[in-house]
């Protein structure tokens, strides 16, 4: 079992300073994240659902589809990839099997949440959550899978309790999940810096959450979060939303018969071919010969 990427992820969480988790949704966005110099990336179930089936993050896409997309992402980069694994797709047994499958494709980390299945995006209304005890059992299942595979998989536990049970219950769940053996705790949508400070004080392992433009988490400055002691911040839409805006602009330019603007809005032919490794494949083609040429 290759442990290097999980080990690199763990080392990032152990070092001082805030760790950013830009999220990709396919191999191309993953390549861009690595080329931008980030030392770690995540996947976004929201973005994968939107880009692969054109539907919202409501548990509509299957585990098999998500696993295949994750495999392509992991294979396209050398940096650690932390997987958004929703709820583990069922009960503790499903979570155990989910962890095994992600370990087998060299995921550096896996994060599950305490929503019921089918879940929905954490910033949407209408969420429901499982009992604290059931989530603790799921964390135990992930740990069992990790031990059986002799893996160093980083396990994240997310709670969506803030919008459903309130802040005090969120603290209770976060502490219980940390005690159960999670490596970091992800709290969906804290509502103030004071709440964040309290979470950092109460949770003795790294605290994580995400920031989405227009989402339900306030626009906290990263410098303040780092000063407070937040360790791990996901930016799930950093690739998806700008890509959508760029495509909309280019298509409108095409509709307006402005081909020059279409060209200006995008990367050019040679730069894109460099990005996806055409030179490497042409070199291999020359080494191995072109059969049938």
C-alpha atoms as a PDB file:
ATOM      1  CA  UNK A   1       0.000   0.000   0.000  1.00  0.00           C
ATOM      2  CA  UNK A   2       1.392   3.397  -1.049  1.00  0.00           C
ATOM      3  CA  UNK A   3       1.347   5.628   2.037  1.00  0.00           C
ATOM      4  CA  UNK A   4       3.278   8.611   0.705  1.00  0.00           C
ATOM      5  CA  UNK A   5       0.340  10.836  -0.182  1.00  0.00           C
ATOM      6  CA  UNK A   6      -1.534  10.193   3.065  1.00  0.00           C
ATOM      7  CA  UNK A   7       1.693  10.821   4.961  1.00  0.00           C
ATOM      8  CA  UNK A   8       2.227  14.112   3.119  1.00  0.00           C
ATOM      9  CA  UNK A   9      -1.332  15.140   3.998  1.00  0.00           C
ATOM     10  CA  UNK A  10      -0.760  14.327   7.667  1.00  0.00           C
ATOM     11  CA  UNK A  11       2.453  16.351   7.675  1.00  0.00           C
ATOM     12  CA  UNK A  12       0.605  19.386   6.316  1.00  0.00           C
ATOM     13  CA  UNK A  13      -1.966  19.144   9.104  1.00  0.00           C
ATOM     14  CA  UNK A  14       0.797  18.863  11.710  1.00  0.00           C
ATOM     15  CA  UNK A  15       2.775  21.894  10.532  1.00  0.00           C
ATOM     16  CA  UNK A  16       1.962  25.432  11.727  1.00  0.00           C
ATOM     17  CA  UNK A  17      -0.258  27.582   9.537  1.00  0.00           C
ATOM     18  CA  UNK A  18      -3.480  27.376   7.563  1.00  0.00           C
ATOM     19  CA  UNK A  19      -3.812  24.678   4.888  1.00  0.00           C
ATOM     20  CA  UNK A  20      -5.947  25.506   1.866  1.00  0.00           C
ATOM     21  CA  UNK A  21      -7.908  22.771   0.093  1.00  0.00           C
ATOM     22  CA  UNK A  22      -8.815  23.990  -3.404  1.00  0.00           C
ATOM     23  CA  UNK A  23     -11.280  21.534  -4.909  1.00  0.00           C
ATOM     24  CA  UNK A  24     -11.320  20.043  -8.377  1.00  0.00           C
ATOM     25  CA  UNK A  25     -14.032  18.141 -10.174  1.00  0.00           C
ATOM     26  CA  UNK A  26     -12.145  16.385 -12.969  1.00  0.00           C
ATOM     27  CA  UNK A  27      -8.604  15.550 -14.044  1.00  0.00           C
ATOM     28  CA  UNK A  28      -8.098  18.854 -15.871  1.00  0.00           C
ATOM     29  CA  UNK A  29      -9.051  21.015 -12.891  1.00  0.00           C
ATOM     30  CA  UNK A  30      -6.808  18.812 -10.715  1.00  0.00           C
ATOM     31  CA  UNK A  31      -3.848  19.384 -13.032  1.00  0.00           C
ATOM     32  CA  UNK A  32      -4.421  23.133 -12.856  1.00  0.00           C
ATOM     33  CA  UNK A  33      -4.532  23.055  -9.039  1.00  0.00           C
ATOM     34  CA  UNK A  34      -1.204  21.222  -8.893  1.00  0.00           C
ATOM     35  CA  UNK A  35       0.402  23.493 -11.497  1.00  0.00           C
ATOM     36  CA  UNK A  36      -0.707  26.525  -9.472  1.00  0.00           C
ATOM     37  CA  UNK A  37       1.551  25.279  -6.690  1.00  0.00           C
ATOM     38  CA  UNK A  38      -0.920  23.945  -4.133  1.00  0.00           C
ATOM     39  CA  UNK A  39       0.414  21.104  -2.004  1.00  0.00           C
ATOM     40  CA  UNK A  40      -2.948  19.412  -1.523  1.00  0.00           C
ATOM     41  CA  UNK A  41      -6.360  19.362  -3.170  1.00  0.00           C
ATOM     42  CA  UNK A  42      -9.830  18.074  -2.488  1.00  0.00           C
ATOM     43  CA  UNK A  43     -12.776  16.866  -4.496  1.00  0.00           C
ATOM     44  CA  UNK A  44     -16.186  18.508  -4.380  1.00  0.00           C
ATOM     45  CA  UNK A  45     -19.260  16.306  -4.660  1.00  0.00           C
ATOM     46  CA  UNK A  46     -21.252  19.430  -5.532  1.00  0.00           C
ATOM     47  CA  UNK A  47     -18.958  20.243  -8.448  1.00  0.00           C
ATOM     48  CA  UNK A  48     -18.685  16.637  -9.631  1.00  0.00           C
ATOM     49  CA  UNK A  49     -22.467  16.240  -9.651  1.00  0.00           C
ATOM     50  CA  UNK A  50     -22.895  19.479 -11.590  1.00  0.00           C
ATOM     51  CA  UNK A  51     -20.150  18.735 -14.115  1.00  0.00           C
ATOM     52  CA  UNK A  52     -20.893  15.049 -14.706  1.00  0.00           C
ATOM     53  CA  UNK A  53     -24.701  14.816 -14.665  1.00  0.00           C
ATOM     54  CA  UNK A  54     -25.730  18.479 -14.696  1.00  0.00           C
ATOM     55  CA  UNK A  55     -27.747  18.111 -11.491  1.00  0.00           C
ATOM     56  CA  UNK A  56     -27.544  19.559  -7.968  1.00  0.00           C
ATOM     57  CA  UNK A  57     -25.793  17.963  -5.017  1.00  0.00           C
ATOM     58  CA  UNK A  58     -28.790  15.981  -3.716  1.00  0.00           C
ATOM     59  CA  UNK A  59     -27.344  12.471  -3.666  1.00  0.00           C
ATOM     60  CA  UNK A  60     -28.335  11.864  -7.290  1.00  0.00           C
ATOM     61  CA  UNK A  61     -24.930  10.694  -8.514  1.00  0.00           C
ATOM     62  CA  UNK A  62     -23.877   7.156  -7.611  1.00  0.00           C
ATOM     63  CA  UNK A  63     -20.913   6.031  -5.522  1.00  0.00           C
ATOM     64  CA  UNK A  64     -19.485   4.212  -8.557  1.00  0.00           C
ATOM     65  CA  UNK A  65     -19.545   7.383 -10.654  1.00  0.00           C
ATOM     66  CA  UNK A  66     -17.900   9.387  -7.880  1.00  0.00           C
ATOM     67  CA  UNK A  67     -15.263   6.708  -7.360  1.00  0.00           C
ATOM     68  CA  UNK A  68     -14.342   6.685 -11.044  1.00  0.00           C
ATOM     69  CA  UNK A  69     -14.093  10.465 -11.137  1.00  0.00           C
ATOM     70  CA  UNK A  70     -11.898  10.392  -8.023  1.00  0.00           C
ATOM     71  CA  UNK A  71      -9.657   7.736  -9.600  1.00  0.00           C
ATOM     72  CA  UNK A  72      -9.118   9.941 -12.666  1.00  0.00           C
ATOM     73  CA  UNK A  73      -8.326  12.944 -10.480  1.00  0.00           C
ATOM     74  CA  UNK A  74      -5.859  11.055  -8.276  1.00  0.00           C
ATOM     75  CA  UNK A  75      -4.107   9.531 -11.294  1.00  0.00           C
ATOM     76  CA  UNK A  76      -3.651  12.950 -12.914  1.00  0.00           C
ATOM     77  CA  UNK A  77      -1.637  14.562 -10.089  1.00  0.00           C
ATOM     78  CA  UNK A  78       1.122  13.763  -7.601  1.00  0.00           C
ATOM     79  CA  UNK A  79      -0.185  15.839  -4.676  1.00  0.00           C
ATOM     80  CA  UNK A  80      -2.455  14.393  -1.941  1.00  0.00           C
ATOM     81  CA  UNK A  81      -6.169  14.290  -2.772  1.00  0.00           C
ATOM     82  CA  UNK A  82      -8.712  14.537   0.070  1.00  0.00           C
ATOM     83  CA  UNK A  83     -12.007  12.977  -1.019  1.00  0.00           C
ATOM     84  CA  UNK A  84     -15.487  14.298  -0.316  1.00  0.00           C
ATOM     85  CA  UNK A  85     -17.246  10.986   0.372  1.00  0.00           C
ATOM     86  CA  UNK A  86     -20.635  12.433   1.362  1.00  0.00           C
ATOM     87  CA  UNK A  87     -22.145  10.210   4.082  1.00  0.00           C
ATOM     88  CA  UNK A  88     -20.226   7.081   3.126  1.00  0.00           C
ATOM     89  CA  UNK A  89     -23.320   6.207   1.056  1.00  0.00           C
ATOM     90  CA  UNK A  90     -25.335   4.417   3.711  1.00  0.00           C
ATOM     91  CA  UNK A  91     -24.656   2.885   7.110  1.00  0.00           C
ATOM     92  CA  UNK A  92     -21.398   1.935   8.828  1.00  0.00           C
ATOM     93  CA  UNK A  93     -20.912  -1.037   6.512  1.00  0.00           C
ATOM     94  CA  UNK A  94     -21.230   1.219   3.478  1.00  0.00           C
ATOM     95  CA  UNK A  95     -18.777   3.664   5.020  1.00  0.00           C
ATOM     96  CA  UNK A  96     -16.311   0.820   5.645  1.00  0.00           C
ATOM     97  CA  UNK A  97     -16.566  -0.275   2.003  1.00  0.00           C
ATOM     98  CA  UNK A  98     -16.288   3.308   0.788  1.00  0.00           C
ATOM     99  CA  UNK A  99     -13.055   3.800   2.730  1.00  0.00           C
ATOM    100  CA  UNK A 100     -11.581   0.569   1.363  1.00  0.00           C
ATOM    101  CA  UNK A 101     -12.313   1.596  -2.219  1.00  0.00           C
ATOM    102  CA  UNK A 102     -10.751   5.009  -1.797  1.00  0.00           C
ATOM    103  CA  UNK A 103      -7.677   3.536  -0.123  1.00  0.00           C
ATOM    104  CA  UNK A 104      -7.278   1.180  -3.112  1.00  0.00           C
ATOM    105  CA  UNK A 105      -7.117   4.133  -5.543  1.00  0.00           C
ATOM    106  CA  UNK A 106      -4.530   6.002  -3.370  1.00  0.00           C
ATOM    107  CA  UNK A 107      -6.756   8.690  -1.855  1.00  0.00           C
ATOM    108  CA  UNK A 108      -4.824  10.610   0.792  1.00  0.00           C
ATOM    109  CA  UNK A 109      -7.906  11.354   2.849  1.00  0.00           C
ATOM    110  CA  UNK A 110     -11.626  10.781   3.055  1.00  0.00           C
ATOM    111  CA  UNK A 111     -14.295  12.895   4.733  1.00  0.00           C
ATOM    112  CA  UNK A 112     -17.791  11.758   5.656  1.00  0.00           C
ATOM    113  CA  UNK A 113     -20.676  13.746   7.119  1.00  0.00           C
ATOM    114  CA  UNK A 114     -23.507  13.121   9.557  1.00  0.00           C
ATOM    115  CA  UNK A 115     -26.364  13.830   7.170  1.00  0.00           C
ATOM    116  CA  UNK A 116     -28.935  11.199   6.294  1.00  0.00           C
ATOM    117  CA  UNK A 117     -28.680   9.582   2.868  1.00  0.00           C
ATOM    118  CA  UNK A 118     -29.465  10.886   0.297  1.00  0.00           C
ATOM    119  CA  UNK A 119     -27.653  13.989   1.446  1.00  0.00           C
ATOM    120  CA  UNK A 120     -27.604  17.502   0.047  1.00  0.00           C
ATOM    121  CA  UNK A 121     -25.090  20.321  -0.191  1.00  0.00           C
ATOM    122  CA  UNK A 122     -24.341  21.656   3.283  1.00  0.00           C
ATOM    123  CA  UNK A 123     -25.364  25.186   2.274  1.00  0.00           C
ATOM    124  CA  UNK A 124     -28.838  24.078   1.140  1.00  0.00           C
ATOM    125  CA  UNK A 125     -31.933  24.031   3.327  1.00  0.00           C
ATOM    126  CA  UNK A 126     -33.884  20.887   4.198  1.00  0.00           C
ATOM    127  CA  UNK A 127     -30.993  18.842   5.618  1.00  0.00           C
ATOM    128  CA  UNK A 128     -31.515  16.065   8.153  1.00  0.00           C
ATOM    129  CA  UNK A 129     -28.862  14.339  10.245  1.00  0.00           C
ATOM    130  CA  UNK A 130     -28.295  10.898  11.750  1.00  0.00           C
ATOM    131  CA  UNK A 131     -27.779  10.296  15.466  1.00  0.00           C
ATOM    132  CA  UNK A 132     -24.456  11.092  17.065  1.00  0.00           C
ATOM    133  CA  UNK A 133     -23.970   7.420  17.967  1.00  0.00           C
ATOM    134  CA  UNK A 134     -24.522   6.307  14.365  1.00  0.00           C
ATOM    135  CA  UNK A 135     -21.928   8.765  13.107  1.00  0.00           C
ATOM    136  CA  UNK A 136     -19.446   7.595  15.762  1.00  0.00           C
ATOM    137  CA  UNK A 137     -19.985   4.038  14.509  1.00  0.00           C
ATOM    138  CA  UNK A 138     -19.261   5.178  10.947  1.00  0.00           C
ATOM    139  CA  UNK A 139     -15.999   6.784  12.037  1.00  0.00           C
ATOM    140  CA  UNK A 140     -15.083   3.490  13.698  1.00  0.00           C
ATOM    141  CA  UNK A 141     -15.840   1.693  10.425  1.00  0.00           C
ATOM    142  CA  UNK A 142     -13.480   4.012   8.523  1.00  0.00           C
ATOM    143  CA  UNK A 143     -10.751   3.379  11.085  1.00  0.00           C
ATOM    144  CA  UNK A 144     -11.272  -0.389  10.824  1.00  0.00           C
ATOM    145  CA  UNK A 145     -10.934  -0.223   7.034  1.00  0.00           C
ATOM    146  CA  UNK A 146      -7.747   1.848   7.368  1.00  0.00           C
ATOM    147  CA  UNK A 147      -6.217  -0.616   9.824  1.00  0.00           C
ATOM    148  CA  UNK A 148      -7.070  -3.643   7.700  1.00  0.00           C
ATOM    149  CA  UNK A 149      -5.457  -2.052   4.647  1.00  0.00           C
ATOM    150  CA  UNK A 150      -2.349  -0.935   6.592  1.00  0.00           C
ATOM    151  CA  UNK A 151      -3.061   2.580   5.393  1.00  0.00           C
ATOM    152  CA  UNK A 152      -2.396   6.072   6.763  1.00  0.00           C
ATOM    153  CA  UNK A 153      -5.621   7.453   5.282  1.00  0.00           C
ATOM    154  CA  UNK A 154      -6.585  10.777   6.865  1.00  0.00           C
ATOM    155  CA  UNK A 155     -10.154  10.603   8.185  1.00  0.00           C
ATOM    156  CA  UNK A 156     -12.271  13.734   8.382  1.00  0.00           C
ATOM    157  CA  UNK A 157     -15.637  13.904  10.147  1.00  0.00           C
ATOM    158  CA  UNK A 158     -18.109  16.599   9.173  1.00  0.00           C
ATOM    159  CA  UNK A 159     -21.135  17.715  11.141  1.00  0.00           C
ATOM    160  CA  UNK A 160     -24.090  19.569   9.642  1.00  0.00           C
ATOM    161  CA  UNK A 161     -25.678  20.059  13.068  1.00  0.00           C
ATOM    162  CA  UNK A 162     -25.225  23.859  13.175  1.00  0.00           C
ATOM    163  CA  UNK A 163     -28.253  24.515  10.952  1.00  0.00           C
ATOM    164  CA  UNK A 164     -30.395  21.791  12.549  1.00  0.00           C
ATOM    165  CA  UNK A 165     -29.604  21.350  16.248  1.00  0.00           C
ATOM    166  CA  UNK A 166     -27.818  24.614  17.012  1.00  0.00           C
ATOM    167  CA  UNK A 167     -24.305  25.517  18.085  1.00  0.00           C
ATOM    168  CA  UNK A 168     -24.161  23.735  21.457  1.00  0.00           C
ATOM    169  CA  UNK A 169     -25.096  20.396  19.879  1.00  0.00           C
ATOM    170  CA  UNK A 170     -22.568  21.074  17.136  1.00  0.00           C
ATOM    171  CA  UNK A 171     -19.845  21.343  19.782  1.00  0.00           C
ATOM    172  CA  UNK A 172     -21.058  18.123  21.416  1.00  0.00           C
ATOM    173  CA  UNK A 173     -20.966  16.225  18.129  1.00  0.00           C
ATOM    174  CA  UNK A 174     -17.585  17.643  17.114  1.00  0.00           C
ATOM    175  CA  UNK A 175     -16.007  16.587  20.395  1.00  0.00           C
ATOM    176  CA  UNK A 176     -17.567  13.111  20.128  1.00  0.00           C
ATOM    177  CA  UNK A 177     -16.276  12.645  16.576  1.00  0.00           C
ATOM    178  CA  UNK A 178     -12.787  13.725  17.603  1.00  0.00           C
ATOM    179  CA  UNK A 179     -12.882  11.312  20.535  1.00  0.00           C
ATOM    180  CA  UNK A 180     -13.994   8.535  18.165  1.00  0.00           C
ATOM    181  CA  UNK A 181     -10.721   8.904  16.260  1.00  0.00           C
ATOM    182  CA  UNK A 182     -11.272  11.361  13.407  1.00  0.00           C
ATOM    183  CA  UNK A 183      -8.107  13.162  12.280  1.00  0.00           C
ATOM    184  CA  UNK A 184      -9.869  16.476  11.684  1.00  0.00           C
ATOM    185  CA  UNK A 185     -13.331  17.907  12.303  1.00  0.00           C
ATOM    186  CA  UNK A 186     -15.235  19.794   9.650  1.00  0.00           C
ATOM    187  CA  UNK A 187     -18.077  22.006  10.894  1.00  0.00           C
ATOM    188  CA  UNK A 188     -20.481  23.114   8.185  1.00  0.00           C
ATOM    189  CA  UNK A 189     -21.370  26.811   8.179  1.00  0.00           C
ATOM    190  CA  UNK A 190     -20.176  28.359  11.467  1.00  0.00           C
ATOM    191  CA  UNK A 191     -21.891  31.731  11.710  1.00  0.00           C
ATOM    192  CA  UNK A 192     -19.391  34.040  13.421  1.00  0.00           C
ATOM    193  CA  UNK A 193     -15.737  34.378  14.303  1.00  0.00           C
ATOM    194  CA  UNK A 194     -16.741  33.964  17.932  1.00  0.00           C
ATOM    195  CA  UNK A 195     -18.204  30.548  17.096  1.00  0.00           C
ATOM    196  CA  UNK A 196     -15.014  29.656  15.249  1.00  0.00           C
ATOM    197  CA  UNK A 197     -12.911  30.648  18.267  1.00  0.00           C
ATOM    198  CA  UNK A 198     -15.066  28.493  20.512  1.00  0.00           C
ATOM    199  CA  UNK A 199     -14.751  25.538  18.140  1.00  0.00           C
ATOM    200  CA  UNK A 200     -10.956  25.827  18.066  1.00  0.00           C
ATOM    201  CA  UNK A 201     -10.902  25.947  21.869  1.00  0.00           C
ATOM    202  CA  UNK A 202     -13.162  22.922  22.345  1.00  0.00           C
ATOM    203  CA  UNK A 203     -11.875  20.662  19.545  1.00  0.00           C
ATOM    204  CA  UNK A 204      -8.386  19.351  20.225  1.00  0.00           C
ATOM    205  CA  UNK A 205      -7.719  18.231  16.647  1.00  0.00           C
ATOM    206  CA  UNK A 206      -7.584  20.336  13.434  1.00  0.00           C
ATOM    207  CA  UNK A 207     -10.754  22.312  12.634  1.00  0.00           C
ATOM    208  CA  UNK A 208     -11.978  22.643   9.052  1.00  0.00           C
ATOM    209  CA  UNK A 209     -14.852  24.178   7.122  1.00  0.00           C
ATOM    210  CA  UNK A 210     -15.441  25.690   3.689  1.00  0.00           C
ATOM    211  CA  UNK A 211     -15.964  29.096   2.133  1.00  0.00           C
ATOM    212  CA  UNK A 212     -18.329  29.459  -0.839  1.00  0.00           C
ATOM    213  CA  UNK A 213     -19.188  32.740  -2.617  1.00  0.00           C
ATOM    214  CA  UNK A 214     -22.821  33.413  -1.748  1.00  0.00           C
ATOM    215  CA  UNK A 215     -22.971  30.461   0.671  1.00  0.00           C
ATOM    216  CA  UNK A 216     -24.165  30.399   4.270  1.00  0.00           C
ATOM    217  CA  UNK A 217     -20.728  30.736   5.863  1.00  0.00           C
ATOM    218  CA  UNK A 218     -19.764  34.403   6.362  1.00  0.00           C
ATOM    219  CA  UNK A 219     -16.853  35.684   4.282  1.00  0.00           C
ATOM    220  CA  UNK A 220     -14.202  35.292   6.974  1.00  0.00           C
ATOM    221  CA  UNK A 221     -10.728  36.675   6.085  1.00  0.00           C
ATOM    222  CA  UNK A 222      -8.236  33.819   5.786  1.00  0.00           C
ATOM    223  CA  UNK A 223      -5.668  35.741   7.824  1.00  0.00           C
ATOM    224  CA  UNK A 224      -8.077  35.981  10.772  1.00  0.00           C
ATOM    225  CA  UNK A 225      -8.963  32.300  10.553  1.00  0.00           C
ATOM    226  CA  UNK A 226      -5.278  31.405  10.630  1.00  0.00           C
ATOM    227  CA  UNK A 227      -4.703  33.695  13.613  1.00  0.00           C
ATOM    228  CA  UNK A 228      -7.602  32.081  15.498  1.00  0.00           C
ATOM    229  CA  UNK A 229      -6.139  28.636  14.883  1.00  0.00           C
ATOM    230  CA  UNK A 230      -8.278  27.183  12.107  1.00  0.00           C
ATOM    231  CA  UNK A 231      -6.162  24.588  10.357  1.00  0.00           C
ATOM    232  CA  UNK A 232      -7.901  23.525   7.158  1.00  0.00           C
ATOM    233  CA  UNK A 233     -10.139  25.505   4.784  1.00  0.00           C
ATOM    234  CA  UNK A 234     -11.839  24.095   1.690  1.00  0.00           C
ATOM    235  CA  UNK A 235     -12.509  26.341  -1.282  1.00  0.00           C
ATOM    236  CA  UNK A 236     -14.828  24.017  -3.238  1.00  0.00           C
ATOM    237  CA  UNK A 237     -15.880  26.362  -6.066  1.00  0.00           C
ATOM    238  CA  UNK A 238     -12.514  27.889  -6.934  1.00  0.00           C
ATOM    239  CA  UNK A 239     -12.429  25.983 -10.243  1.00  0.00           C
ATOM    240  CA  UNK A 240     -16.106  25.391 -11.032  1.00  0.00           C
ATOM    241  CA  UNK A 241     -17.612  28.864 -10.737  1.00  0.00           C
ATOM    242  CA  UNK A 242     -14.873  30.710 -12.690  1.00  0.00           C
ATOM    243  CA  UNK A 243     -14.976  28.003 -15.393  1.00  0.00           C
ATOM    244  CA  UNK A 244     -18.737  28.385 -15.756  1.00  0.00           C
ATOM    245  CA  UNK A 245     -18.434  32.180 -15.997  1.00  0.00           C
ATOM    246  CA  UNK A 246     -15.690  31.908 -18.628  1.00  0.00           C
ATOM    247  CA  UNK A 247     -17.759  29.488 -20.733  1.00  0.00           C
ATOM    248  CA  UNK A 248     -20.826  31.725 -20.505  1.00  0.00           C
ATOM    249  CA  UNK A 249     -18.788  34.734 -21.623  1.00  0.00           C
ATOM    250  CA  UNK A 250     -17.175  32.850 -24.512  1.00  0.00           C
ATOM    251  CA  UNK A 251     -20.492  31.455 -25.735  1.00  0.00           C
ATOM    252  CA  UNK A 252     -22.061  34.898 -25.613  1.00  0.00           C
ATOM    253  CA  UNK A 253     -19.125  36.270 -27.616  1.00  0.00           C
ATOM    254  CA  UNK A 254     -19.645  33.510 -30.193  1.00  0.00           C
ATOM    255  CA  UNK A 255     -23.347  34.332 -30.370  1.00  0.00           C
ATOM    256  CA  UNK A 256     -22.329  37.950 -30.994  1.00  0.00           C
ATOM    257  CA  UNK A 257     -20.036  36.824 -33.875  1.00  0.00           C
ATOM    258  CA  UNK A 258     -16.971  38.060 -31.972  1.00  0.00           C
ATOM    259  CA  UNK A 259     -14.433  35.302 -32.617  1.00  0.00           C
ATOM    260  CA  UNK A 260     -11.564  37.547 -31.520  1.00  0.00           C
ATOM    261  CA  UNK A 261     -13.123  37.843 -28.075  1.00  0.00           C
ATOM    262  CA  UNK A 262     -13.664  34.084 -27.931  1.00  0.00           C
ATOM    263  CA  UNK A 263      -9.920  33.661 -28.492  1.00  0.00           C
ATOM    264  CA  UNK A 264      -9.013  36.313 -25.950  1.00  0.00           C
ATOM    265  CA  UNK A 265     -11.157  34.714 -23.258  1.00  0.00           C
ATOM    266  CA  UNK A 266      -9.395  31.355 -23.395  1.00  0.00           C
ATOM    267  CA  UNK A 267      -6.039  29.638 -23.421  1.00  0.00           C
ATOM    268  CA  UNK A 268      -4.481  29.071 -26.849  1.00  0.00           C
ATOM    269  CA  UNK A 269      -3.826  25.832 -28.752  1.00  0.00           C
ATOM    270  CA  UNK A 270      -0.145  25.373 -27.925  1.00  0.00           C
ATOM    271  CA  UNK A 271      -0.464  26.312 -24.255  1.00  0.00           C
ATOM    272  CA  UNK A 272      -3.359  23.919 -23.782  1.00  0.00           C
ATOM    273  CA  UNK A 273      -1.468  21.084 -25.476  1.00  0.00           C
ATOM    274  CA  UNK A 274       1.468  21.753 -23.146  1.00  0.00           C
ATOM    275  CA  UNK A 275      -0.894  21.605 -20.182  1.00  0.00           C
ATOM    276  CA  UNK A 276      -2.244  18.169 -21.046  1.00  0.00           C
ATOM    277  CA  UNK A 277       1.148  16.689 -21.949  1.00  0.00           C
ATOM    278  CA  UNK A 278       1.042  16.374 -25.723  1.00  0.00           C
ATOM    279  CA  UNK A 279       4.856  16.675 -25.957  1.00  0.00           C
ATOM    280  CA  UNK A 280       5.344  13.700 -23.649  1.00  0.00           C
ATOM    281  CA  UNK A 281       2.997  11.538 -25.706  1.00  0.00           C
ATOM    282  CA  UNK A 282       4.646  12.557 -28.979  1.00  0.00           C
ATOM    283  CA  UNK A 283       8.015  11.622 -27.479  1.00  0.00           C
ATOM    284  CA  UNK A 284       6.676   8.218 -26.418  1.00  0.00           C
ATOM    285  CA  UNK A 285       5.175   7.790 -29.851  1.00  0.00           C
ATOM    286  CA  UNK A 286       8.597   8.386 -31.372  1.00  0.00           C
ATOM    287  CA  UNK A 287      10.284   5.927 -28.974  1.00  0.00           C
ATOM    288  CA  UNK A 288       7.809   3.120 -29.489  1.00  0.00           C
ATOM    289  CA  UNK A 289       7.154   3.727 -33.180  1.00  0.00           C
ATOM    290  CA  UNK A 290       3.891   4.418 -34.895  1.00  0.00           C
ATOM    291  CA  UNK A 291       2.405   1.128 -35.947  1.00  0.00           C
ATOM    292  CA  UNK A 292       0.343   1.358 -39.052  1.00  0.00           C
ATOM    293  CA  UNK A 293       1.701   4.790 -39.933  1.00  0.00           C
END
